[in-house]
Amino acid sequence: MVNCAKCGMYQCYKGEFNKLPANCPMLTCPEVYDMASAAYKESSGHLACLSARVESAGYRVWPRVREIMEFSRLAGFKRLGLPFCVGLRREALEVTKIFESNGFEVASVMCKTGSRPKEELGLLDQEKVRPGRHEAMCNPIAQALILNKFKTDINVLLGLCVGHDTIFIKYSDAPITVLAVKDRVTGHNPLAAVYATHYFEPRLKIT
């Protein structure tokens, strides 16, 4: 099984090919790299090149929201889709202002669009966050289809729930990047639980 996270050597990063561990995918899956190279030459190489240019120019200088705009500018993306969570609606407005003030057109869609009851998904009343009242389901398929309809050049995910982001990605026609992910416990900084495992340990165990 490939497991780069446990490597500890990272010779690929250093270019020391003679020191690769035995289970390195560069040794066990060499054909993959030829396939990837072919894909870059056919279609994805342009965006990969632009990504590298943004990385070089903005490394430790630009915040991610600036990187997204620089990448979009280089790629010729003018209409940005912003599928966002109701919990980050204030942030969505600020992001929209930033994008628009830099010359982009923004199409934004909130997760609760459609206001369809969670019961449509088969959820029981007691399984809702607030039982006994109307609770609109998150609707990532509708978010994606609406942004498809308005032909966005790239969609910038802002705080969609785990699972809902997965569904959105499946149905989006446009390429996708992520500005921020949702983590209600850590102020939307999910790596906080990784950096401070000793504090979060009780919340990290699946029972």
N, C-alpha and C. Protein backbone atom coordinates (compact mmCIF):
# COMPACT_ATOMS: atom_id res chain seq x y z
N MET A 1 0.85 -1.20 0.00
CA MET A 1 0.00 0.00 0.00
C MET A 1 0.88 1.25 0.00
N VAL A 2 0.53 2.21 -0.81
CA VAL A 2 1.25 3.47 -0.83
C VAL A 2 0.91 4.26 0.43
N ASN A 3 1.91 4.90 1.04
CA ASN A 3 1.66 5.68 2.24
C ASN A 3 2.72 6.77 2.39
N CYS A 4 2.63 7.77 1.54
CA CYS A 4 3.61 8.85 1.56
C CYS A 4 3.65 9.57 2.90
N ALA A 5 2.53 9.61 3.61
CA ALA A 5 2.49 10.33 4.88
C ALA A 5 3.45 9.72 5.90
N LYS A 6 3.74 8.43 5.76
CA LYS A 6 4.63 7.75 6.70
C LYS A 6 6.07 7.63 6.19
N CYS A 7 6.37 8.23 5.05
CA CYS A 7 7.68 8.07 4.43
C CYS A 7 8.80 8.61 5.31
N GLY A 8 8.71 9.89 5.66
CA GLY A 8 9.73 10.50 6.50
C GLY A 8 10.99 10.89 5.75
N MET A 9 11.14 10.43 4.52
CA MET A 9 12.36 10.71 3.75
C MET A 9 12.09 11.77 2.68
N TYR A 10 11.01 11.61 1.95
CA TYR A 10 10.58 12.56 0.93
C TYR A 10 11.69 12.87 -0.09
N GLN A 11 12.29 11.79 -0.59
CA GLN A 11 13.37 11.96 -1.56
C GLN A 11 12.84 12.50 -2.89
N CYS A 12 11.57 12.30 -3.16
CA CYS A 12 10.98 12.88 -4.38
C CYS A 12 11.08 14.39 -4.34
N TYR A 13 10.88 14.95 -3.16
CA TYR A 13 10.96 16.40 -2.98
C TYR A 13 12.38 16.89 -3.21
N LYS A 14 13.34 16.05 -2.83
CA LYS A 14 14.75 16.44 -2.93
C LYS A 14 15.37 16.05 -4.28
N GLY A 15 14.69 15.19 -5.04
CA GLY A 15 15.23 14.75 -6.31
C GLY A 15 16.30 13.69 -6.18
N GLU A 16 16.33 13.00 -5.04
CA GLU A 16 17.33 11.95 -4.81
C GLU A 16 16.69 10.60 -5.12
N PHE A 17 16.62 10.28 -6.39
CA PHE A 17 15.88 9.11 -6.84
C PHE A 17 16.52 7.79 -6.42
N ASN A 18 17.80 7.80 -6.14
CA ASN A 18 18.47 6.56 -5.74
C ASN A 18 18.20 6.19 -4.28
N LYS A 19 17.49 7.03 -3.56
CA LYS A 19 17.20 6.77 -2.15
C LYS A 19 15.71 6.54 -1.88
N LEU A 20 14.94 6.29 -2.92
CA LEU A 20 13.50 6.10 -2.74
C LEU A 20 13.22 4.83 -1.93
N PRO A 21 12.27 4.88 -0.99
CA PRO A 21 11.92 3.67 -0.25
C PRO A 21 11.22 2.66 -1.16
N ALA A 22 11.23 1.39 -0.75
CA ALA A 22 10.74 0.32 -1.61
C ALA A 22 9.27 0.47 -1.98
N ASN A 23 8.47 1.04 -1.08
CA ASN A 23 7.03 1.16 -1.36
C ASN A 23 6.67 2.50 -1.97
N CYS A 24 7.66 3.26 -2.42
CA CYS A 24 7.39 4.55 -3.06
C CYS A 24 6.61 4.33 -4.35
N PRO A 25 5.54 5.09 -4.58
CA PRO A 25 4.77 4.91 -5.81
C PRO A 25 5.59 5.18 -7.07
N MET A 26 6.69 5.92 -6.93
CA MET A 26 7.55 6.15 -8.09
C MET A 26 8.20 4.84 -8.55
N LEU A 27 8.30 3.90 -7.61
CA LEU A 27 8.85 2.58 -7.95
C LEU A 27 7.77 1.57 -8.25
N THR A 28 6.66 1.64 -7.51
CA THR A 28 5.61 0.62 -7.65
C THR A 28 4.58 0.96 -8.71
N CYS A 29 4.47 2.23 -9.08
CA CYS A 29 3.48 2.64 -10.08
C CYS A 29 4.11 3.56 -11.14
N PRO A 30 5.19 3.15 -11.76
CA PRO A 30 5.89 4.05 -12.68
C PRO A 30 5.05 4.49 -13.87
N GLU A 31 4.11 3.62 -14.27
CA GLU A 31 3.29 3.96 -15.44
C GLU A 31 2.38 5.16 -15.19
N VAL A 32 2.06 5.39 -13.93
CA VAL A 32 1.17 6.49 -13.58
C VAL A 32 1.79 7.83 -13.98
N TYR A 33 3.08 7.95 -13.82
CA TYR A 33 3.73 9.22 -14.08
C TYR A 33 3.78 9.54 -15.57
N ASP A 34 3.86 8.51 -16.38
CA ASP A 34 3.77 8.72 -17.83
C ASP A 34 2.36 9.17 -18.21
N MET A 35 1.36 8.56 -17.57
CA MET A 35 -0.03 8.95 -17.82
C MET A 35 -0.27 10.39 -17.39
N ALA A 36 0.27 10.75 -16.22
CA ALA A 36 0.10 12.12 -15.73
C ALA A 36 0.78 13.12 -16.66
N SER A 37 1.98 12.79 -17.12
CA SER A 37 2.69 13.68 -18.02
C SER A 37 1.92 13.89 -19.32
N ALA A 38 1.31 12.81 -19.80
CA ALA A 38 0.51 12.91 -21.02
C ALA A 38 -0.70 13.81 -20.80
N ALA A 39 -1.32 13.70 -19.61
CA ALA A 39 -2.49 14.53 -19.30
C ALA A 39 -2.10 16.00 -19.23
N TYR A 40 -0.96 16.30 -18.66
CA TYR A 40 -0.50 17.69 -18.60
C TYR A 40 -0.29 18.24 -20.00
N LYS A 41 0.25 17.43 -20.88
CA LYS A 41 0.51 17.88 -22.25
C LYS A 41 -0.78 18.08 -23.03
N GLU A 42 -1.80 17.28 -22.71
CA GLU A 42 -3.05 17.34 -23.47
C GLU A 42 -3.95 18.50 -23.04
N SER A 43 -4.14 18.67 -21.72
CA SER A 43 -5.12 19.66 -21.31
C SER A 43 -4.81 20.35 -19.99
N SER A 44 -4.30 19.62 -19.02
CA SER A 44 -4.16 20.17 -17.67
C SER A 44 -2.87 20.91 -17.43
N GLY A 45 -1.94 20.81 -18.37
CA GLY A 45 -0.64 21.44 -18.17
C GLY A 45 -0.71 22.94 -18.06
N HIS A 46 -1.65 23.56 -18.78
CA HIS A 46 -1.77 25.01 -18.74
C HIS A 46 -2.09 25.48 -17.33
N LEU A 47 -3.10 24.87 -16.71
CA LEU A 47 -3.49 25.27 -15.36
C LEU A 47 -2.40 24.92 -14.35
N ALA A 48 -1.73 23.79 -14.56
CA ALA A 48 -0.65 23.40 -13.66
C ALA A 48 0.49 24.41 -13.73
N CYS A 49 0.79 24.89 -14.91
CA CYS A 49 1.84 25.90 -15.09
C CYS A 49 1.44 27.20 -14.41
N LEU A 50 0.19 27.60 -14.58
CA LEU A 50 -0.28 28.83 -13.94
C LEU A 50 -0.24 28.69 -12.42
N SER A 51 -0.58 27.51 -11.92
CA SER A 51 -0.53 27.27 -10.47
C SER A 51 0.88 27.46 -9.94
N ALA A 52 1.85 26.93 -10.68
CA ALA A 52 3.25 27.04 -10.27
C ALA A 52 3.70 28.50 -10.30
N ARG A 53 3.21 29.27 -11.27
CA ARG A 53 3.58 30.68 -11.35
C ARG A 53 3.00 31.47 -10.17
N VAL A 54 1.76 31.16 -9.81
CA VAL A 54 1.14 31.82 -8.66
C VAL A 54 1.87 31.44 -7.38
N GLU A 55 2.23 30.17 -7.27
CA GLU A 55 2.98 29.72 -6.10
C GLU A 55 4.29 30.48 -5.97
N SER A 56 5.00 30.62 -7.07
CA SER A 56 6.29 31.30 -7.05
C SER A 56 6.16 32.77 -6.70
N ALA A 57 5.20 33.43 -7.32
CA ALA A 57 5.06 34.88 -7.13
C ALA A 57 4.52 35.24 -5.76
N GLY A 58 3.61 34.40 -5.23
CA GLY A 58 2.94 34.77 -4.00
C GLY A 58 3.35 33.99 -2.77
N TYR A 59 4.41 33.20 -2.89
CA TYR A 59 4.81 32.32 -1.78
C TYR A 59 5.11 33.11 -0.52
N ARG A 60 4.34 32.84 0.52
CA ARG A 60 4.48 33.52 1.82
C ARG A 60 4.22 35.03 1.73
N VAL A 61 3.55 35.43 0.65
CA VAL A 61 3.25 36.86 0.46
C VAL A 61 1.74 37.09 0.38
N TRP A 62 1.07 36.32 -0.47
CA TRP A 62 -0.35 36.54 -0.70
C TRP A 62 -1.20 35.60 0.16
N PRO A 63 -2.31 36.11 0.72
CA PRO A 63 -3.29 35.20 1.34
C PRO A 63 -4.01 34.41 0.24
N ARG A 64 -4.66 33.34 0.64
CA ARG A 64 -5.27 32.45 -0.35
C ARG A 64 -6.28 33.17 -1.25
N VAL A 65 -7.03 34.10 -0.70
CA VAL A 65 -8.03 34.80 -1.52
C VAL A 65 -7.34 35.56 -2.65
N ARG A 66 -6.15 36.09 -2.40
CA ARG A 66 -5.38 36.77 -3.45
C ARG A 66 -4.85 35.74 -4.45
N GLU A 67 -4.39 34.60 -3.96
CA GLU A 67 -3.89 33.57 -4.86
C GLU A 67 -4.98 33.12 -5.83
N ILE A 68 -6.21 32.98 -5.33
CA ILE A 68 -7.32 32.58 -6.19
C ILE A 68 -7.55 33.61 -7.29
N MET A 69 -7.48 34.87 -6.92
CA MET A 69 -7.69 35.92 -7.93
C MET A 69 -6.55 35.96 -8.94
N GLU A 70 -5.32 35.81 -8.48
CA GLU A 70 -4.19 35.83 -9.39
C GLU A 70 -4.25 34.64 -10.35
N PHE A 71 -4.58 33.47 -9.82
CA PHE A 71 -4.71 32.27 -10.65
C PHE A 71 -5.82 32.47 -11.68
N SER A 72 -6.95 33.00 -11.24
CA SER A 72 -8.08 33.21 -12.14
C SER A 72 -7.73 34.22 -13.22
N ARG A 73 -7.02 35.26 -12.84
CA ARG A 73 -6.62 36.28 -13.82
C ARG A 73 -5.71 35.67 -14.89
N LEU A 74 -4.73 34.90 -14.46
CA LEU A 74 -3.81 34.27 -15.40
C LEU A 74 -4.53 33.28 -16.32
N ALA A 75 -5.53 32.59 -15.77
CA ALA A 75 -6.27 31.58 -16.53
C ALA A 75 -7.34 32.20 -17.43
N GLY A 76 -7.59 33.48 -17.27
CA GLY A 76 -8.63 34.13 -18.06
C GLY A 76 -10.02 33.89 -17.50
N PHE A 77 -10.11 33.48 -16.23
CA PHE A 77 -11.41 33.26 -15.60
C PHE A 77 -11.97 34.60 -15.14
N LYS A 78 -13.16 34.93 -15.63
CA LYS A 78 -13.75 36.22 -15.28
C LYS A 78 -14.99 36.07 -14.40
N ARG A 79 -15.73 34.97 -14.57
CA ARG A 79 -16.95 34.76 -13.79
C ARG A 79 -16.67 33.70 -12.73
N LEU A 80 -16.65 34.11 -11.48
CA LEU A 80 -16.35 33.21 -10.38
C LEU A 80 -17.63 32.77 -9.69
N GLY A 81 -17.77 31.47 -9.49
CA GLY A 81 -18.90 30.95 -8.74
C GLY A 81 -18.54 30.86 -7.26
N LEU A 82 -19.47 31.20 -6.39
CA LEU A 82 -19.22 31.15 -4.95
C LEU A 82 -20.33 30.37 -4.26
N PRO A 83 -20.22 29.04 -4.20
CA PRO A 83 -21.17 28.26 -3.43
C PRO A 83 -20.77 28.35 -1.95
N PHE A 84 -21.68 28.82 -1.11
CA PHE A 84 -21.29 29.06 0.28
C PHE A 84 -22.33 28.52 1.26
N CYS A 85 -21.87 28.35 2.49
CA CYS A 85 -22.71 27.87 3.58
C CYS A 85 -23.43 29.04 4.26
N VAL A 86 -24.64 28.80 4.70
CA VAL A 86 -25.39 29.84 5.40
C VAL A 86 -24.62 30.34 6.63
N GLY A 87 -23.83 29.46 7.23
CA GLY A 87 -23.05 29.84 8.41
C GLY A 87 -21.92 30.81 8.10
N LEU A 88 -21.59 30.93 6.81
CA LEU A 88 -20.54 31.86 6.40
C LEU A 88 -21.09 32.91 5.44
N ARG A 89 -22.34 33.29 5.64
CA ARG A 89 -22.97 34.26 4.73
C ARG A 89 -22.32 35.64 4.84
N ARG A 90 -21.87 36.01 6.03
CA ARG A 90 -21.19 37.30 6.16
C ARG A 90 -19.85 37.28 5.42
N GLU A 91 -19.15 36.17 5.58
CA GLU A 91 -17.88 36.02 4.89
C GLU A 91 -18.09 36.01 3.37
N ALA A 92 -19.18 35.38 2.93
CA ALA A 92 -19.48 35.31 1.50
C ALA A 92 -19.67 36.71 0.92
N LEU A 93 -20.32 37.58 1.66
CA LEU A 93 -20.51 38.96 1.20
C LEU A 93 -19.17 39.68 1.08
N GLU A 94 -18.31 39.49 2.07
CA GLU A 94 -17.00 40.15 2.02
C GLU A 94 -16.15 39.61 0.88
N VAL A 95 -16.20 38.29 0.66
CA VAL A 95 -15.45 37.69 -0.44
C VAL A 95 -15.96 38.23 -1.77
N THR A 96 -17.27 38.33 -1.90
CA THR A 96 -17.86 38.87 -3.12
C THR A 96 -17.36 40.29 -3.38
N LYS A 97 -17.32 41.10 -2.34
CA LYS A 97 -16.84 42.48 -2.49
C LYS A 97 -15.39 42.50 -2.94
N ILE A 98 -14.58 41.62 -2.38
CA ILE A 98 -13.16 41.56 -2.75
C ILE A 98 -13.01 41.17 -4.21
N PHE A 99 -13.72 40.11 -4.60
CA PHE A 99 -13.64 39.65 -6.00
C PHE A 99 -14.11 40.73 -6.96
N GLU A 100 -15.26 41.34 -6.65
CA GLU A 100 -15.82 42.34 -7.56
C GLU A 100 -14.96 43.59 -7.64
N SER A 101 -14.35 43.97 -6.52
CA SER A 101 -13.50 45.17 -6.54
C SER A 101 -12.22 44.94 -7.35
N ASN A 102 -11.94 43.65 -7.64
CA ASN A 102 -10.77 43.33 -8.46
C ASN A 102 -11.16 42.95 -9.88
N GLY A 103 -12.38 43.28 -10.26
CA GLY A 103 -12.78 43.15 -11.65
C GLY A 103 -13.45 41.84 -12.04
N PHE A 104 -13.76 40.98 -11.07
CA PHE A 104 -14.41 39.72 -11.38
C PHE A 104 -15.92 39.84 -11.25
N GLU A 105 -16.61 39.01 -11.99
CA GLU A 105 -18.05 38.87 -11.86
C GLU A 105 -18.30 37.67 -10.96
N VAL A 106 -19.22 37.80 -10.02
CA VAL A 106 -19.45 36.74 -9.04
C VAL A 106 -20.88 36.26 -9.08
N ALA A 107 -21.04 34.94 -9.20
CA ALA A 107 -22.35 34.31 -9.06
C ALA A 107 -22.31 33.49 -7.78
N SER A 108 -23.12 33.85 -6.80
CA SER A 108 -23.07 33.16 -5.50
C SER A 108 -24.39 32.46 -5.23
N VAL A 109 -24.29 31.28 -4.61
CA VAL A 109 -25.49 30.51 -4.25
C VAL A 109 -25.30 29.93 -2.86
N MET A 110 -26.28 30.18 -1.98
CA MET A 110 -26.21 29.68 -0.61
C MET A 110 -26.70 28.24 -0.52
N CYS A 111 -26.22 27.53 0.46
CA CYS A 111 -26.50 26.09 0.58
C CYS A 111 -27.98 25.78 0.79
N LYS A 112 -28.73 26.67 1.39
CA LYS A 112 -30.13 26.38 1.70
C LYS A 112 -31.09 26.72 0.56
N THR A 113 -30.53 27.05 -0.61
CA THR A 113 -31.37 27.40 -1.74
C THR A 113 -32.37 26.29 -2.03
N GLY A 114 -33.60 26.69 -2.33
CA GLY A 114 -34.68 25.73 -2.56
C GLY A 114 -35.54 25.51 -1.33
N SER A 115 -34.95 25.70 -0.14
CA SER A 115 -35.67 25.55 1.13
C SER A 115 -36.42 24.22 1.23
N ARG A 116 -35.83 23.15 0.69
CA ARG A 116 -36.49 21.84 0.75
C ARG A 116 -36.29 21.23 2.13
N PRO A 117 -37.34 20.65 2.71
CA PRO A 117 -37.23 20.09 4.05
C PRO A 117 -36.31 18.87 4.09
N LYS A 118 -35.60 18.71 5.19
CA LYS A 118 -34.68 17.58 5.34
C LYS A 118 -35.40 16.24 5.30
N GLU A 119 -36.69 16.28 5.57
CA GLU A 119 -37.46 15.03 5.52
C GLU A 119 -37.42 14.40 4.12
N GLU A 120 -37.21 15.23 3.09
CA GLU A 120 -37.11 14.70 1.73
C GLU A 120 -35.94 13.72 1.59
N LEU A 121 -34.94 13.89 2.44
CA LEU A 121 -33.77 13.01 2.39
C LEU A 121 -33.97 11.75 3.22
N GLY A 122 -35.11 11.68 3.92
CA GLY A 122 -35.37 10.53 4.78
C GLY A 122 -34.99 10.77 6.22
N LEU A 123 -34.65 12.01 6.56
CA LEU A 123 -34.27 12.34 7.93
C LEU A 123 -35.50 12.36 8.84
N LEU A 124 -35.36 11.83 10.02
CA LEU A 124 -36.42 11.90 11.02
C LEU A 124 -36.33 13.23 11.75
N ASP A 125 -37.45 13.65 12.32
CA ASP A 125 -37.48 14.94 12.99
C ASP A 125 -36.43 15.02 14.09
N GLN A 126 -36.27 13.93 14.85
CA GLN A 126 -35.30 13.94 15.95
C GLN A 126 -33.85 13.96 15.48
N GLU A 127 -33.63 13.74 14.19
CA GLU A 127 -32.28 13.75 13.65
C GLU A 127 -31.87 15.14 13.16
N LYS A 128 -32.78 16.07 13.19
CA LYS A 128 -32.47 17.42 12.73
C LYS A 128 -31.70 18.19 13.81
N VAL A 129 -31.04 19.25 13.40
CA VAL A 129 -30.32 20.09 14.35
C VAL A 129 -31.30 20.75 15.31
N ARG A 130 -32.46 21.16 14.78
CA ARG A 130 -33.49 21.81 15.60
C ARG A 130 -34.83 21.11 15.36
N PRO A 131 -35.06 20.01 16.06
CA PRO A 131 -36.30 19.25 15.88
C PRO A 131 -37.54 20.11 16.14
N GLY A 132 -38.64 19.75 15.47
CA GLY A 132 -39.90 20.42 15.70
C GLY A 132 -40.12 21.66 14.87
N ARG A 133 -39.24 21.94 13.92
CA ARG A 133 -39.41 23.13 13.09
C ARG A 133 -38.90 22.83 11.69
N HIS A 134 -39.28 23.70 10.75
CA HIS A 134 -38.79 23.52 9.37
C HIS A 134 -37.27 23.70 9.35
N GLU A 135 -36.61 22.74 8.78
CA GLU A 135 -35.16 22.82 8.67
C GLU A 135 -34.79 22.50 7.23
N ALA A 136 -34.38 23.53 6.51
CA ALA A 136 -34.06 23.35 5.09
C ALA A 136 -32.80 22.52 4.93
N MET A 137 -32.85 21.58 4.00
CA MET A 137 -31.68 20.77 3.70
C MET A 137 -30.65 21.60 2.95
N CYS A 138 -29.37 21.26 3.13
CA CYS A 138 -28.35 21.83 2.27
C CYS A 138 -28.53 21.22 0.89
N ASN A 139 -28.32 22.00 -0.14
CA ASN A 139 -28.68 21.57 -1.49
C ASN A 139 -27.51 21.76 -2.46
N PRO A 140 -26.41 21.01 -2.26
CA PRO A 140 -25.23 21.21 -3.10
C PRO A 140 -25.46 20.87 -4.57
N ILE A 141 -26.39 19.95 -4.86
CA ILE A 141 -26.67 19.65 -6.27
C ILE A 141 -27.28 20.87 -6.95
N ALA A 142 -28.25 21.50 -6.28
CA ALA A 142 -28.86 22.71 -6.85
C ALA A 142 -27.83 23.82 -6.98
N GLN A 143 -26.95 23.97 -5.97
CA GLN A 143 -25.91 24.99 -6.06
C GLN A 143 -25.06 24.78 -7.32
N ALA A 144 -24.65 23.54 -7.54
CA ALA A 144 -23.81 23.24 -8.70
C ALA A 144 -24.56 23.47 -10.00
N LEU A 145 -25.82 23.02 -10.06
CA LEU A 145 -26.58 23.15 -11.30
C LEU A 145 -26.87 24.61 -11.64
N ILE A 146 -27.09 25.42 -10.60
CA ILE A 146 -27.33 26.85 -10.84
C ILE A 146 -26.07 27.51 -11.38
N LEU A 147 -24.93 27.19 -10.78
CA LEU A 147 -23.68 27.78 -11.27
C LEU A 147 -23.32 27.25 -12.65
N ASN A 148 -23.69 25.99 -12.92
CA ASN A 148 -23.52 25.47 -14.28
C ASN A 148 -24.34 26.28 -15.27
N LYS A 149 -25.56 26.61 -14.85
CA LYS A 149 -26.48 27.36 -15.72
C LYS A 149 -25.92 28.73 -16.07
N PHE A 150 -25.23 29.33 -15.10
CA PHE A 150 -24.66 30.66 -15.33
C PHE A 150 -23.22 30.59 -15.86
N LYS A 151 -22.78 29.37 -16.18
CA LYS A 151 -21.50 29.15 -16.86
C LYS A 151 -20.32 29.85 -16.18
N THR A 152 -20.16 29.56 -14.91
CA THR A 152 -19.02 30.10 -14.19
C THR A 152 -17.73 29.50 -14.73
N ASP A 153 -16.66 30.26 -14.67
CA ASP A 153 -15.36 29.79 -15.16
C ASP A 153 -14.66 28.91 -14.13
N ILE A 154 -14.85 29.23 -12.87
CA ILE A 154 -14.29 28.45 -11.76
C ILE A 154 -15.20 28.65 -10.56
N ASN A 155 -15.35 27.62 -9.74
CA ASN A 155 -16.17 27.72 -8.55
C ASN A 155 -15.29 27.68 -7.31
N VAL A 156 -15.53 28.62 -6.41
CA VAL A 156 -14.72 28.78 -5.21
C VAL A 156 -15.55 28.35 -4.00
N LEU A 157 -15.23 27.19 -3.45
CA LEU A 157 -16.01 26.67 -2.34
C LEU A 157 -15.73 27.45 -1.07
N LEU A 158 -16.81 27.81 -0.37
CA LEU A 158 -16.68 28.56 0.88
C LEU A 158 -17.53 27.90 1.96
N GLY A 159 -16.92 27.02 2.73
CA GLY A 159 -17.54 26.50 3.94
C GLY A 159 -18.62 25.47 3.76
N LEU A 160 -18.68 24.76 2.63
CA LEU A 160 -19.68 23.71 2.52
C LEU A 160 -19.35 22.58 3.48
N CYS A 161 -20.40 21.94 4.02
CA CYS A 161 -20.22 20.86 4.98
C CYS A 161 -19.48 19.68 4.35
N VAL A 162 -18.86 18.87 5.20
CA VAL A 162 -18.29 17.60 4.74
C VAL A 162 -19.41 16.77 4.11
N GLY A 163 -19.19 16.26 2.95
CA GLY A 163 -20.22 15.51 2.23
C GLY A 163 -20.94 16.37 1.23
N HIS A 164 -21.39 17.53 1.67
CA HIS A 164 -22.04 18.46 0.73
C HIS A 164 -21.00 18.98 -0.27
N ASP A 165 -19.78 19.22 0.21
CA ASP A 165 -18.73 19.65 -0.72
C ASP A 165 -18.44 18.53 -1.72
N THR A 166 -18.46 17.30 -1.25
CA THR A 166 -18.23 16.15 -2.12
C THR A 166 -19.26 16.09 -3.24
N ILE A 167 -20.52 16.30 -2.87
CA ILE A 167 -21.60 16.25 -3.85
C ILE A 167 -21.48 17.41 -4.83
N PHE A 168 -21.18 18.60 -4.32
CA PHE A 168 -21.03 19.75 -5.21
C PHE A 168 -19.95 19.49 -6.25
N ILE A 169 -18.82 18.97 -5.81
CA ILE A 169 -17.70 18.69 -6.71
C ILE A 169 -18.13 17.72 -7.81
N LYS A 170 -18.96 16.76 -7.45
CA LYS A 170 -19.41 15.77 -8.42
C LYS A 170 -20.25 16.39 -9.52
N TYR A 171 -21.06 17.39 -9.20
CA TYR A 171 -22.02 17.94 -10.16
C TYR A 171 -21.55 19.24 -10.82
N SER A 172 -20.44 19.79 -10.40
CA SER A 172 -19.97 21.05 -10.98
C SER A 172 -19.35 20.83 -12.34
N ASP A 173 -19.73 21.64 -13.31
CA ASP A 173 -19.10 21.60 -14.62
C ASP A 173 -17.76 22.33 -14.62
N ALA A 174 -17.67 23.41 -13.88
CA ALA A 174 -16.46 24.23 -13.85
C ALA A 174 -15.42 23.63 -12.92
N PRO A 175 -14.15 23.94 -13.15
CA PRO A 175 -13.12 23.53 -12.19
C PRO A 175 -13.38 24.17 -10.84
N ILE A 176 -12.80 23.61 -9.80
CA ILE A 176 -13.11 24.01 -8.43
C ILE A 176 -11.84 24.29 -7.65
N THR A 177 -11.89 25.31 -6.81
CA THR A 177 -10.88 25.50 -5.79
C THR A 177 -11.60 25.78 -4.48
N VAL A 178 -10.85 25.76 -3.39
CA VAL A 178 -11.45 25.94 -2.07
C VAL A 178 -10.83 27.15 -1.39
N LEU A 179 -11.68 28.07 -0.96
CA LEU A 179 -11.19 29.21 -0.19
C LEU A 179 -11.12 28.85 1.29
N ALA A 180 -12.18 28.22 1.79
CA ALA A 180 -12.20 27.83 3.21
C ALA A 180 -13.15 26.66 3.39
N VAL A 181 -12.82 25.83 4.37
CA VAL A 181 -13.70 24.71 4.71
C VAL A 181 -14.33 24.96 6.06
N LYS A 182 -15.44 24.28 6.31
CA LYS A 182 -16.16 24.50 7.55
C LYS A 182 -15.61 23.63 8.68
N ASP A 183 -15.41 24.25 9.82
CA ASP A 183 -15.12 23.52 11.05
C ASP A 183 -15.66 24.37 12.19
N ARG A 184 -16.87 24.05 12.62
CA ARG A 184 -17.56 24.88 13.60
C ARG A 184 -16.84 24.91 14.94
N VAL A 185 -16.06 23.89 15.23
CA VAL A 185 -15.40 23.78 16.53
C VAL A 185 -14.13 24.62 16.61
N THR A 186 -13.44 24.77 15.47
CA THR A 186 -12.13 25.44 15.50
C THR A 186 -12.12 26.79 14.78
N GLY A 187 -13.28 27.37 14.57
CA GLY A 187 -13.32 28.64 13.84
C GLY A 187 -12.89 28.48 12.41
N HIS A 188 -13.30 27.33 11.82
CA HIS A 188 -13.01 27.01 10.42
C HIS A 188 -11.50 26.90 10.15
N ASN A 189 -10.81 26.35 11.11
CA ASN A 189 -9.38 26.05 10.97
C ASN A 189 -9.18 24.59 11.36
N PRO A 190 -9.52 23.65 10.47
CA PRO A 190 -9.51 22.24 10.83
C PRO A 190 -8.16 21.70 11.26
N LEU A 191 -7.06 22.34 10.83
CA LEU A 191 -5.75 21.85 11.25
C LEU A 191 -5.46 22.14 12.72
N ALA A 192 -6.28 22.99 13.34
CA ALA A 192 -6.09 23.24 14.77
C ALA A 192 -6.20 21.94 15.56
N ALA A 193 -7.11 21.06 15.15
CA ALA A 193 -7.27 19.78 15.84
C ALA A 193 -6.09 18.86 15.60
N VAL A 194 -5.36 19.08 14.52
CA VAL A 194 -4.17 18.28 14.21
C VAL A 194 -2.97 18.83 14.97
N TYR A 195 -2.84 20.16 14.99
CA TYR A 195 -1.72 20.79 15.67
C TYR A 195 -1.82 20.66 17.19
N ALA A 196 -3.03 20.58 17.70
CA ALA A 196 -3.24 20.49 19.15
C ALA A 196 -4.01 19.22 19.48
N THR A 197 -3.49 18.09 19.03
CA THR A 197 -4.17 16.81 19.21
C THR A 197 -4.45 16.52 20.67
N HIS A 198 -3.53 16.90 21.57
CA HIS A 198 -3.71 16.59 22.99
C HIS A 198 -4.92 17.30 23.58
N TYR A 199 -5.30 18.45 22.99
CA TYR A 199 -6.49 19.14 23.46
C TYR A 199 -7.77 18.55 22.85
N PHE A 200 -7.66 18.13 21.60
CA PHE A 200 -8.84 17.66 20.87
C PHE A 200 -9.02 16.15 20.92
N GLU A 201 -8.13 15.42 21.57
CA GLU A 201 -8.16 13.97 21.53
C GLU A 201 -9.54 13.37 21.84
N PRO A 202 -10.25 13.84 22.86
CA PRO A 202 -11.57 13.25 23.13
C PRO A 202 -12.56 13.41 21.98
N ARG A 203 -12.36 14.42 21.14
CA ARG A 203 -13.27 14.67 20.03
C ARG A 203 -12.82 14.01 18.73
N LEU A 204 -11.66 13.37 18.76
CA LEU A 204 -11.12 12.78 17.55
C LEU A 204 -11.34 11.27 17.48
N LYS A 205 -11.91 10.71 18.52
CA LYS A 205 -12.13 9.27 18.53
C LYS A 205 -13.54 8.94 18.08
N ILE A 206 -13.66 8.05 17.08
CA ILE A 206 -14.96 7.60 16.61
C ILE A 206 -15.42 6.45 17.50
N THR A 207 -16.61 6.58 18.06
CA THR A 207 -17.10 5.54 18.97
C THR A 207 -18.23 4.75 18.30
